Amino acid sequence: MSDLSNFIDKKGSKKPSRPTKHPKTKPKIINRKKAPSSLEQLDKEQLIQLLEPLMAEIPGFAANMAWTRQKILPLNPNVHPEELAQKLAIPLLEAYMILSRLQSNQDSFSSC
């Protein structure tokens, strides 16, 4: 056996050491103890509170909110969620959440 094959055999027998990776964990969105047994038991505000943390997970939510703030609201400050959903081709719930967040931000800035 040649020196090269001995070298390869020795190298191949050792497993390369890899740095340990931490497993990815998903954020906990819903606290199961607080969730009702059925959606029929929720009123509108409770349902929105449950869905609000999910909005950040929607791809493009931040971009749609910025576009609405910069381009749509200056032209039409009283835009309805249905109209916004049509303009941006997004779900109605997302349009509602964008408008409610922007409205709450305006209220907090105007109170200062």
Protein backbone atom coordinates (compact mmCIF):
# COMPACT_ATOMS: atom_id res chain seq x y z
CA MET A 1 0.00 0.00 0.00
CA SER A 2 1.37 3.37 -0.91
CA ASP A 3 1.85 6.29 1.41
CA LEU A 4 -0.94 8.17 -0.35
CA SER A 5 -3.51 5.42 0.23
CA ASN A 6 -2.45 5.17 3.91
CA PHE A 7 -2.92 8.90 4.25
CA ILE A 8 -6.38 8.77 2.65
CA ASP A 9 -7.44 5.84 4.84
CA LYS A 10 -6.36 7.66 7.98
CA LYS A 11 -8.08 10.88 6.92
CA GLY A 12 -11.27 9.09 5.90
CA SER A 13 -11.63 7.32 9.22
CA LYS A 14 -11.85 10.53 11.21
CA LYS A 15 -15.09 12.43 11.20
CA PRO A 16 -14.60 16.13 10.71
CA SER A 17 -15.52 18.12 13.77
CA ARG A 18 -18.40 20.52 13.19
CA PRO A 19 -19.45 23.32 15.42
CA THR A 20 -22.67 22.52 17.20
CA LYS A 21 -25.68 24.36 15.89
CA HIS A 22 -28.52 25.49 18.06
CA PRO A 23 -31.86 24.20 16.83
CA LYS A 24 -34.18 26.80 15.38
CA THR A 25 -37.21 27.46 17.49
CA LYS A 26 -40.44 28.90 16.24
CA PRO A 27 -41.92 31.79 18.19
CA LYS A 28 -44.86 30.90 20.35
CA ILE A 29 -47.79 32.75 18.88
CA ILE A 30 -50.87 31.58 20.75
CA ASN A 31 -51.05 30.84 24.43
CA ARG A 32 -53.15 27.67 24.45
CA LYS A 33 -54.51 28.32 27.94
CA LYS A 34 -56.13 31.59 26.85
CA ALA A 35 -57.55 30.35 23.55
CA PRO A 36 -61.26 29.57 23.54
CA SER A 37 -62.57 26.16 22.61
CA SER A 38 -64.15 27.50 19.39
CA LEU A 39 -63.90 30.60 17.23
CA GLU A 40 -67.63 31.22 17.58
CA GLN A 41 -67.02 32.22 21.22
CA LEU A 42 -64.77 35.12 20.16
CA ASP A 43 -65.99 38.60 19.50
CA LYS A 44 -64.33 40.82 16.90
CA GLU A 45 -61.80 42.43 19.26
CA GLN A 46 -60.68 39.12 20.78
CA LEU A 47 -60.20 37.63 17.32
CA ILE A 48 -58.11 40.60 16.22
CA GLN A 49 -55.96 40.31 19.36
CA LEU A 50 -55.29 36.67 18.54
CA LEU A 51 -54.43 37.40 14.92
CA GLU A 52 -52.35 40.53 15.49
CA PRO A 53 -49.06 38.71 16.30
CA LEU A 54 -49.43 36.76 13.06
CA MET A 55 -49.39 39.90 10.92
CA ALA A 56 -45.63 40.29 11.22
CA GLU A 57 -45.24 36.79 9.75
CA ILE A 58 -47.05 37.68 6.52
CA PRO A 59 -44.50 38.22 3.74
CA GLY A 60 -44.57 41.82 2.60
CA PHE A 61 -46.65 43.14 5.50
CA ALA A 62 -44.08 45.78 6.45
CA ALA A 63 -43.65 46.82 2.81
CA ASN A 64 -47.42 47.08 2.32
CA MET A 65 -47.72 49.15 5.49
CA ALA A 66 -44.93 51.50 4.34
CA TRP A 67 -46.47 51.83 0.88
CA THR A 68 -49.85 52.64 2.41
CA ARG A 69 -48.31 55.23 4.74
CA GLN A 70 -46.26 56.95 2.02
CA LYS A 71 -48.35 56.65 -1.14
CA ILE A 72 -51.98 55.86 -0.40
CA LEU A 73 -52.87 57.74 2.79
CA PRO A 74 -51.58 61.15 1.58
CA LEU A 75 -53.93 60.89 -1.42
CA ASN A 76 -56.89 59.38 0.45
CA PRO A 77 -56.67 59.53 4.27
CA ASN A 78 -60.15 57.95 4.64
CA VAL A 79 -59.43 54.83 2.59
CA HIS A 80 -61.52 51.79 3.54
CA PRO A 81 -59.96 48.36 4.15
CA GLU A 82 -61.84 46.90 1.16
CA GLU A 83 -60.41 49.55 -1.16
CA LEU A 84 -56.90 49.09 0.24
CA ALA A 85 -57.15 45.32 -0.16
CA GLN A 86 -58.10 45.79 -3.82
CA LYS A 87 -55.32 48.31 -4.52
CA LEU A 88 -52.58 46.20 -2.95
CA ALA A 89 -54.05 42.79 -3.88
CA ILE A 90 -53.88 41.62 -0.27
CA PRO A 91 -56.37 39.88 2.03
CA LEU A 92 -58.98 42.05 3.71
CA LEU A 93 -57.72 41.19 7.20
CA GLU A 94 -54.23 42.38 6.29
CA ALA A 95 -55.61 45.65 4.93
CA TYR A 96 -57.66 46.13 8.11
CA MET A 97 -54.61 45.50 10.30
CA ILE A 98 -52.45 47.90 8.26
CA LEU A 99 -55.00 50.68 8.62
CA SER A 100 -55.57 50.04 12.31
CA ARG A 101 -51.82 50.06 13.06
CA LEU A 102 -51.27 53.24 11.07
CA GLN A 103 -54.23 54.88 12.77
CA SER A 104 -52.97 53.91 16.23
CA ASN A 105 -49.51 55.28 15.34
CA GLN A 106 -51.04 58.59 14.24
CA ASP A 107 -53.04 58.82 17.47
CA SER A 108 -49.93 58.23 19.57
CA PHE A 109 -47.99 60.87 17.63
CA SER A 110 -50.76 63.46 17.80
CA SER A 111 -51.10 63.08 21.58
CA CYS A 112 -47.44 64.10 22.13
